[in-house]
PDB file of N, CA and C in Angstrom:
ATOM      1  N   UNK A   1      31.236  -9.214   8.879  1.00  0.00           N
ATOM      2  CA  UNK A   1      30.089  -9.741   9.577  1.00  0.00           C
ATOM      3  C   UNK A   1      30.363  -9.706  11.084  1.00  0.00           C
ATOM      4  N   UNK A   2      29.383  -9.232  11.867  1.00  0.00           N
ATOM      5  CA  UNK A   2      29.617  -9.179  13.315  1.00  0.00           C
ATOM      6  C   UNK A   2      29.700 -10.569  13.948  1.00  0.00           C
ATOM      7  N   UNK A   3      30.412 -10.629  15.035  1.00  0.00           N
ATOM      8  CA  UNK A   3      30.575 -11.895  15.744  1.00  0.00           C
ATOM      9  C   UNK A   3      29.223 -12.266  16.370  1.00  0.00           C
ATOM     10  N   UNK A   4      28.877 -13.529  16.316  1.00  0.00           N
ATOM     11  CA  UNK A   4      27.573 -14.002  16.848  1.00  0.00           C
ATOM     12  C   UNK A   4      27.718 -14.347  18.341  1.00  0.00           C
ATOM     13  N   UNK A   5      27.452 -13.367  19.187  1.00  0.00           N
ATOM     14  CA  UNK A   5      27.495 -13.606  20.630  1.00  0.00           C
ATOM     15  C   UNK A   5      26.258 -14.321  21.066  1.00  0.00           C
ATOM     16  N   UNK A   6      26.397 -15.312  21.954  1.00  0.00           N
ATOM     17  CA  UNK A   6      25.254 -15.953  22.585  1.00  0.00           C
ATOM     18  C   UNK A   6      25.615 -16.168  24.052  1.00  0.00           C
ATOM     19  N   UNK A   7      24.689 -16.686  24.826  1.00  0.00           N
ATOM     20  CA  UNK A   7      24.915 -16.847  26.269  1.00  0.00           C
ATOM     21  C   UNK A   7      26.118 -17.702  26.579  1.00  0.00           C
ATOM     22  N   UNK A   8      26.307 -18.791  25.823  1.00  0.00           N
ATOM     23  CA  UNK A   8      27.432 -19.667  26.061  1.00  0.00           C
ATOM     24  C   UNK A   8      28.774 -18.956  25.872  1.00  0.00           C
ATOM     25  N   UNK A   9      28.880 -18.199  24.818  1.00  0.00           N
ATOM     26  CA  UNK A   9      30.138 -17.504  24.518  1.00  0.00           C
ATOM     27  C   UNK A   9      30.399 -16.369  25.550  1.00  0.00           C
ATOM     28  N   UNK A  10      29.349 -15.691  25.962  1.00  0.00           N
ATOM     29  CA  UNK A  10      29.526 -14.666  26.989  1.00  0.00           C
ATOM     30  C   UNK A  10      29.975 -15.298  28.325  1.00  0.00           C
ATOM     31  N   UNK A  11      29.402 -16.427  28.629  1.00  0.00           N
ATOM     32  CA  UNK A  11      29.820 -17.134  29.866  1.00  0.00           C
ATOM     33  C   UNK A  11      31.293 -17.530  29.779  1.00  0.00           C
ATOM     34  N   UNK A  12      31.718 -17.998  28.617  1.00  0.00           N
ATOM     35  CA  UNK A  12      33.129 -18.391  28.419  1.00  0.00           C
ATOM     36  C   UNK A  12      34.043 -17.208  28.676  1.00  0.00           C
ATOM     37  N   UNK A  13      33.722 -16.023  28.123  1.00  0.00           N
ATOM     38  CA  UNK A  13      34.625 -14.903  28.325  1.00  0.00           C
ATOM     39  C   UNK A  13      34.640 -14.450  29.787  1.00  0.00           C
ATOM     40  N   UNK A  14      33.476 -14.496  30.474  1.00  0.00           N
ATOM     41  CA  UNK A  14      33.452 -14.086  31.863  1.00  0.00           C
ATOM     42  C   UNK A  14      34.274 -15.041  32.734  1.00  0.00           C
ATOM     43  N   UNK A  15      34.109 -16.313  32.540  1.00  0.00           N
ATOM     44  CA  UNK A  15      34.844 -17.303  33.326  1.00  0.00           C
ATOM     45  C   UNK A  15      36.338 -17.177  33.091  1.00  0.00           C
ATOM     46  N   UNK A  16      36.744 -17.112  31.830  1.00  0.00           N
ATOM     47  CA  UNK A  16      38.161 -17.040  31.506  1.00  0.00           C
ATOM     48  C   UNK A  16      38.775 -15.702  31.959  1.00  0.00           C
ATOM     49  N   UNK A  17      38.001 -14.618  31.907  1.00  0.00           N
ATOM     50  CA  UNK A  17      38.494 -13.326  32.373  1.00  0.00           C
ATOM     51  C   UNK A  17      38.747 -13.358  33.861  1.00  0.00           C
ATOM     52  N   UNK A  18      37.815 -13.948  34.616  1.00  0.00           N
ATOM     53  CA  UNK A  18      37.982 -14.047  36.076  1.00  0.00           C
ATOM     54  C   UNK A  18      39.137 -14.965  36.453  1.00  0.00           C
ATOM     55  N   UNK A  19      39.460 -15.923  35.585  1.00  0.00           N
ATOM     56  CA  UNK A  19      40.603 -16.816  35.860  1.00  0.00           C
ATOM     57  C   UNK A  19      41.934 -16.109  35.524  1.00  0.00           C
ATOM     58  N   UNK A  20      41.871 -14.914  34.925  1.00  0.00           N
ATOM     59  CA  UNK A  20      43.074 -14.154  34.693  1.00  0.00           C
ATOM     60  C   UNK A  20      43.603 -14.195  33.263  1.00  0.00           C
ATOM     61  N   UNK A  21      42.855 -14.767  32.330  1.00  0.00           N
ATOM     62  CA  UNK A  21      43.307 -14.788  30.959  1.00  0.00           C
ATOM     63  C   UNK A  21      43.210 -13.411  30.330  1.00  0.00           C
ATOM     64  N   UNK A  22      44.087 -13.140  29.380  1.00  0.00           N
ATOM     65  CA  UNK A  22      44.016 -11.867  28.664  1.00  0.00           C
ATOM     66  C   UNK A  22      42.916 -11.916  27.610  1.00  0.00           C
ATOM     67  N   UNK A  23      42.525 -10.750  27.123  1.00  0.00           N
ATOM     68  CA  UNK A  23      41.496 -10.689  26.086  1.00  0.00           C
ATOM     69  C   UNK A  23      42.005 -11.401  24.835  1.00  0.00           C
ATOM     70  N   UNK A  24      43.287 -11.319  24.515  1.00  0.00           N
ATOM     71  CA  UNK A  24      43.838 -12.005  23.358  1.00  0.00           C
ATOM     72  C   UNK A  24      43.743 -13.522  23.497  1.00  0.00           C
ATOM     73  N   UNK A  25      44.035 -14.013  24.703  1.00  0.00           N
ATOM     74  CA  UNK A  25      43.947 -15.462  24.942  1.00  0.00           C
ATOM     75  C   UNK A  25      42.517 -15.926  24.830  1.00  0.00           C
ATOM     76  N   UNK A  26      41.582 -15.148  25.348  1.00  0.00           N
ATOM     77  CA  UNK A  26      40.156 -15.493  25.275  1.00  0.00           C
ATOM     78  C   UNK A  26      39.708 -15.509  23.817  1.00  0.00           C
ATOM     79  N   UNK A  27      40.076 -14.520  23.044  1.00  0.00           N
ATOM     80  CA  UNK A  27      39.712 -14.460  21.633  1.00  0.00           C
ATOM     81  C   UNK A  27      40.241 -15.677  20.887  1.00  0.00           C
ATOM     82  N   UNK A  28      41.486 -16.040  21.170  1.00  0.00           N
ATOM     83  CA  UNK A  28      42.093 -17.221  20.523  1.00  0.00           C
ATOM     84  C   UNK A  28      41.318 -18.488  20.897  1.00  0.00           C
ATOM     85  N   UNK A  29      40.963 -18.618  22.179  1.00  0.00           N
ATOM     86  CA  UNK A  29      40.216 -19.782  22.630  1.00  0.00           C
ATOM     87  C   UNK A  29      38.857 -19.870  21.914  1.00  0.00           C
ATOM     88  N   UNK A  30      38.156 -18.739  21.830  1.00  0.00           N
ATOM     89  CA  UNK A  30      36.852 -18.753  21.168  1.00  0.00           C
ATOM     90  C   UNK A  30      36.973 -19.129  19.700  1.00  0.00           C
ATOM     91  N   UNK A  31      38.047 -18.662  19.048  1.00  0.00           N
ATOM     92  CA  UNK A  31      38.277 -19.040  17.663  1.00  0.00           C
ATOM     93  C   UNK A  31      38.488 -20.535  17.547  1.00  0.00           C
ATOM     94  N   UNK A  32      39.322 -21.092  18.459  1.00  0.00           N
ATOM     95  CA  UNK A  32      39.573 -22.529  18.409  1.00  0.00           C
ATOM     96  C   UNK A  32      38.323 -23.350  18.736  1.00  0.00           C
ATOM     97  N   UNK A  33      37.513 -22.840  19.638  1.00  0.00           N
ATOM     98  CA  UNK A  33      36.297 -23.603  20.054  1.00  0.00           C
ATOM     99  C   UNK A  33      35.157 -23.479  19.051  1.00  0.00           C
ATOM    100  N   UNK A  34      34.936 -22.243  18.512  1.00  0.00           N
ATOM    101  CA  UNK A  34      33.757 -22.026  17.683  1.00  0.00           C
ATOM    102  C   UNK A  34      34.060 -21.767  16.209  1.00  0.00           C
ATOM    103  N   UNK A  35      35.352 -21.561  15.867  1.00  0.00           N
ATOM    104  CA  UNK A  35      35.739 -21.375  14.485  1.00  0.00           C
ATOM    105  C   UNK A  35      35.434 -20.025  13.882  1.00  0.00           C
ATOM    106  N   UNK A  36      35.080 -19.059  14.701  1.00  0.00           N
ATOM    107  CA  UNK A  36      34.808 -17.724  14.174  1.00  0.00           C
ATOM    108  C   UNK A  36      35.860 -16.763  14.723  1.00  0.00           C
ATOM    109  N   UNK A  37      36.618 -16.102  13.833  1.00  0.00           N
ATOM    110  CA  UNK A  37      37.655 -15.190  14.330  1.00  0.00           C
ATOM    111  C   UNK A  37      37.034 -13.931  14.929  1.00  0.00           C
ATOM    112  N   UNK A  38      37.710 -13.437  15.951  1.00  0.00           N
ATOM    113  CA  UNK A  38      37.330 -12.172  16.548  1.00  0.00           C
ATOM    114  C   UNK A  38      38.559 -11.529  17.175  1.00  0.00           C
ATOM    115  N   UNK A  39      38.488 -10.248  17.427  1.00  0.00           N
ATOM    116  CA  UNK A  39      39.629  -9.530  17.966  1.00  0.00           C
ATOM    117  C   UNK A  39      39.580  -9.463  19.485  1.00  0.00           C
ATOM    118  N   UNK A  40      40.724  -9.130  20.041  1.00  0.00           N
ATOM    119  CA  UNK A  40      40.754  -8.895  21.502  1.00  0.00           C
ATOM    120  C   UNK A  40      39.865  -7.746  21.869  1.00  0.00           C
ATOM    121  N   UNK A  41      39.760  -6.737  20.979  1.00  0.00           N
ATOM    122  CA  UNK A  41      38.884  -5.603  21.256  1.00  0.00           C
ATOM    123  C   UNK A  41      37.423  -6.019  21.314  1.00  0.00           C
ATOM    124  N   UNK A  42      37.027  -7.031  20.544  1.00  0.00           N
ATOM    125  CA  UNK A  42      35.662  -7.558  20.634  1.00  0.00           C
ATOM    126  C   UNK A  42      35.420  -8.127  22.002  1.00  0.00           C
ATOM    127  N   UNK A  43      36.389  -8.853  22.507  1.00  0.00           N
ATOM    128  CA  UNK A  43      36.262  -9.445  23.846  1.00  0.00           C
ATOM    129  C   UNK A  43      36.170  -8.356  24.891  1.00  0.00           C
ATOM    130  N   UNK A  44      37.044  -7.388  24.824  1.00  0.00           N
ATOM    131  CA  UNK A  44      37.045  -6.272  25.763  1.00  0.00           C
ATOM    132  C   UNK A  44      35.717  -5.521  25.714  1.00  0.00           C
ATOM    133  N   UNK A  45      35.223  -5.251  24.529  1.00  0.00           N
ATOM    134  CA  UNK A  45      33.944  -4.561  24.360  1.00  0.00           C
ATOM    135  C   UNK A  45      32.817  -5.313  24.974  1.00  0.00           C
ATOM    136  N   UNK A  46      32.766  -6.622  24.797  1.00  0.00           N
ATOM    137  CA  UNK A  46      31.703  -7.448  25.354  1.00  0.00           C
ATOM    138  C   UNK A  46      31.791  -7.470  26.885  1.00  0.00           C
ATOM    139  N   UNK A  47      33.002  -7.553  27.406  1.00  0.00           N
ATOM    140  CA  UNK A  47      33.192  -7.512  28.849  1.00  0.00           C
ATOM    141  C   UNK A  47      32.678  -6.193  29.421  1.00  0.00           C
ATOM    142  N   UNK A  48      32.960  -5.097  28.744  1.00  0.00           N
ATOM    143  CA  UNK A  48      32.494  -3.802  29.211  1.00  0.00           C
ATOM    144  C   UNK A  48      30.979  -3.655  29.107  1.00  0.00           C
ATOM    145  N   UNK A  49      30.394  -4.125  28.018  1.00  0.00           N
ATOM    146  CA  UNK A  49      28.955  -3.999  27.801  1.00  0.00           C
ATOM    147  C   UNK A  49      28.155  -4.891  28.733  1.00  0.00           C
ATOM    148  N   UNK A  50      28.751  -5.979  29.179  1.00  0.00           N
ATOM    149  CA  UNK A  50      28.041  -6.893  30.092  1.00  0.00           C
ATOM    150  C   UNK A  50      28.387  -6.668  31.558  1.00  0.00           C
ATOM    151  N   UNK A  51      29.064  -5.527  31.819  1.00  0.00           N
ATOM    152  CA  UNK A  51      29.439  -5.149  33.211  1.00  0.00           C
ATOM    153  C   UNK A  51      30.221  -6.246  33.918  1.00  0.00           C
ATOM    154  N   UNK A  52      31.152  -6.862  33.212  1.00  0.00           N
ATOM    155  CA  UNK A  52      31.986  -7.845  33.841  1.00  0.00           C
ATOM    156  C   UNK A  52      32.773  -7.189  34.963  1.00  0.00           C
ATOM    157  N   UNK A  53      32.928  -7.886  36.072  1.00  0.00           N
ATOM    158  CA  UNK A  53      33.650  -7.310  37.207  1.00  0.00           C
ATOM    159  C   UNK A  53      35.090  -7.110  36.816  1.00  0.00           C
ATOM    160  N   UNK A  54      35.637  -5.945  37.085  1.00  0.00           N
ATOM    161  CA  UNK A  54      37.029  -5.678  36.771  1.00  0.00           C
ATOM    162  C   UNK A  54      37.950  -6.577  37.599  1.00  0.00           C
ATOM    163  N   UNK A  55      39.041  -6.992  37.000  1.00  0.00           N
ATOM    164  CA  UNK A  55      40.048  -7.759  37.736  1.00  0.00           C
ATOM    165  C   UNK A  55      40.927  -6.775  38.461  1.00  0.00           C
ATOM    166  N   UNK A  56      41.265  -7.123  39.664  1.00  0.00           N
ATOM    167  CA  UNK A  56      42.179  -6.294  40.447  1.00  0.00           C
ATOM    168  C   UNK A  56      43.262  -7.141  41.053  1.00  0.00           C
ATOM    169  N   UNK A  57      44.455  -6.637  41.015  1.00  0.00           N
ATOM    170  CA  UNK A  57      45.563  -7.310  41.671  1.00  0.00           C
ATOM    171  C   UNK A  57      45.406  -7.100  43.179  1.00  0.00           C
ATOM    172  N   UNK A  58      45.440  -8.165  43.957  1.00  0.00           N
ATOM    173  CA  UNK A  58      45.249  -8.018  45.414  1.00  0.00           C
ATOM    174  C   UNK A  58      46.242  -7.105  46.088  1.00  0.00           C
ATOM    175  N   UNK A  59      47.447  -6.984  45.538  1.00  0.00           N
ATOM    176  CA  UNK A  59      48.423  -6.105  46.171  1.00  0.00           C
ATOM    177  C   UNK A  59      48.262  -4.672  45.759  1.00  0.00           C
ATOM    178  N   UNK A  60      47.414  -4.388  44.762  1.00  0.00           N
ATOM    179  CA  UNK A  60      47.179  -3.021  44.311  1.00  0.00           C
ATOM    180  C   UNK A  60      45.881  -2.471  44.893  1.00  0.00           C
ATOM    181  N   UNK A  61      44.821  -3.258  44.868  1.00  0.00           N
ATOM    182  CA  UNK A  61      43.519  -2.805  45.314  1.00  0.00           C
ATOM    183  C   UNK A  61      43.175  -3.407  46.668  1.00  0.00           C
ATOM    184  N   UNK A  62      42.679  -2.571  47.530  1.00  0.00           N
ATOM    185  CA  UNK A  62      42.300  -3.061  48.857  1.00  0.00           C
ATOM    186  C   UNK A  62      40.969  -3.836  48.738  1.00  0.00           C
ATOM    187  N   UNK A  63      40.752  -4.662  49.689  1.00  0.00           N
ATOM    188  CA  UNK A  63      39.525  -5.456  49.713  1.00  0.00           C
ATOM    189  C   UNK A  63      38.315  -4.514  49.749  1.00  0.00           C
ATOM    190  N   UNK A  64      38.434  -3.435  50.454  1.00  0.00           N
ATOM    191  CA  UNK A  64      37.344  -2.456  50.547  1.00  0.00           C
ATOM    192  C   UNK A  64      37.016  -1.864  49.178  1.00  0.00           C
ATOM    193  N   UNK A  65      38.048  -1.536  48.387  1.00  0.00           N
ATOM    194  CA  UNK A  65      37.844  -0.978  47.055  1.00  0.00           C
ATOM    195  C   UNK A  65      37.210  -2.014  46.145  1.00  0.00           C
ATOM    196  N   UNK A  66      37.644  -3.235  46.241  1.00  0.00           N
ATOM    197  CA  UNK A  66      37.104  -4.303  45.393  1.00  0.00           C
ATOM    198  C   UNK A  66      35.629  -4.500  45.732  1.00  0.00           C
ATOM    199  N   UNK A  67      35.281  -4.496  47.021  1.00  0.00           N
ATOM    200  CA  UNK A  67      33.872  -4.655  47.396  1.00  0.00           C
ATOM    201  C   UNK A  67      33.036  -3.491  46.868  1.00  0.00           C
ATOM    202  N   UNK A  68      33.559  -2.275  46.958  1.00  0.00           N
ATOM    203  CA  UNK A  68      32.821  -1.089  46.499  1.00  0.00           C
ATOM    204  C   UNK A  68      32.552  -1.204  45.005  1.00  0.00           C
ATOM    205  N   UNK A  69      33.546  -1.594  44.232  1.00  0.00           N
ATOM    206  CA  UNK A  69      33.366  -1.745  42.778  1.00  0.00           C
ATOM    207  C   UNK A  69      32.377  -2.864  42.466  1.00  0.00           C
ATOM    208  N   UNK A  70      32.489  -3.957  43.154  1.00  0.00           N
ATOM    209  CA  UNK A  70      31.622  -5.100  42.927  1.00  0.00           C
ATOM    210  C   UNK A  70      30.170  -4.764  43.224  1.00  0.00           C
ATOM    211  N   UNK A  71      29.954  -4.068  44.337  1.00  0.00           N
ATOM    212  CA  UNK A  71      28.572  -3.681  44.685  1.00  0.00           C
ATOM    213  C   UNK A  71      27.997  -2.723  43.672  1.00  0.00           C
ATOM    214  N   UNK A  72      28.814  -1.831  43.179  1.00  0.00           N
ATOM    215  CA  UNK A  72      28.362  -0.859  42.173  1.00  0.00           C
ATOM    216  C   UNK A  72      27.919  -1.600  40.889  1.00  0.00           C
ATOM    217  N   UNK A  73      28.605  -2.679  40.571  1.00  0.00           N
ATOM    218  CA  UNK A  73      28.279  -3.463  39.359  1.00  0.00           C
ATOM    219  C   UNK A  73      27.258  -4.549  39.630  1.00  0.00           C
ATOM    220  N   UNK A  74      26.848  -4.693  40.897  1.00  0.00           N
ATOM    221  CA  UNK A  74      25.837  -5.697  41.230  1.00  0.00           C
ATOM    222  C   UNK A  74      26.379  -7.100  41.371  1.00  0.00           C
ATOM    223  N   UNK A  75      27.691  -7.245  41.702  1.00  0.00           N
ATOM    224  CA  UNK A  75      28.308  -8.547  41.861  1.00  0.00           C
ATOM    225  C   UNK A  75      28.472  -8.838  43.359  1.00  0.00           C
ATOM    226  N   UNK A  76      28.464 -10.107  43.672  1.00  0.00           N
ATOM    227  CA  UNK A  76      28.736 -10.555  45.032  1.00  0.00           C
ATOM    228  C   UNK A  76      30.223 -10.782  45.211  1.00  0.00           C
ATOM    229  N   UNK A  77      30.754 -10.385  46.350  1.00  0.00           N
ATOM    230  CA  UNK A  77      32.163 -10.575  46.629  1.00  0.00           C
ATOM    231  C   UNK A  77      32.323 -11.702  47.664  1.00  0.00           C
ATOM    232  N   UNK A  78      33.154 -12.641  47.345  1.00  0.00           N
ATOM    233  CA  UNK A  78      33.476 -13.725  48.278  1.00  0.00           C
ATOM    234  C   UNK A  78      34.883 -13.509  48.758  1.00  0.00           C
ATOM    235  N   UNK A  79      35.040 -13.294  50.034  1.00  0.00           N
ATOM    236  CA  UNK A  79      36.328 -13.037  50.604  1.00  0.00           C
ATOM    237  C   UNK A  79      36.991 -14.323  51.079  1.00  0.00           C
ATOM    238  N   UNK A  80      38.236 -14.262  51.439  1.00  0.00           N
ATOM    239  CA  UNK A  80      38.978 -15.435  51.925  1.00  0.00           C
ATOM    240  C   UNK A  80      38.303 -16.022  53.164  1.00  0.00           C
ATOM    241  N   UNK A  81      37.737 -15.151  54.005  1.00  0.00           N
ATOM    242  CA  UNK A  81      37.053 -15.645  55.200  1.00  0.00           C
ATOM    243  C   UNK A  81      35.783 -16.421  54.850  1.00  0.00           C
ATOM    244  N   UNK A  82      35.166 -16.101  53.715  1.00  0.00           N
ATOM    245  CA  UNK A  82      33.919 -16.756  53.314  1.00  0.00           C
ATOM    246  C   UNK A  82      34.201 -18.146  52.754  1.00  0.00           C
ATOM    247  N   UNK A  83      35.420 -18.395  52.338  1.00  0.00           N
ATOM    248  CA  UNK A  83      35.803 -19.704  51.787  1.00  0.00           C
ATOM    249  C   UNK A  83      35.448 -19.772  50.392  1.00  0.00           C
TER     250      UNK A  83
END
């Protein structure tokens, strides 16, 4: 049976992904919170299908590259100067 995604669950994965949690950690959290098992691949697939902003390590990706990716995906970028 497919996992029942709803707005609340999608918001949970987006928030936890941006906080730096792995897909496995997010899947485990969703299982504990909602009682429905799902795989890390399900989480990754949903992140990809909902155009979640990719996480980038600040020492690997330049701020310019992060902004370019964010704009392409329609996300707003808040820099350190913006607070």
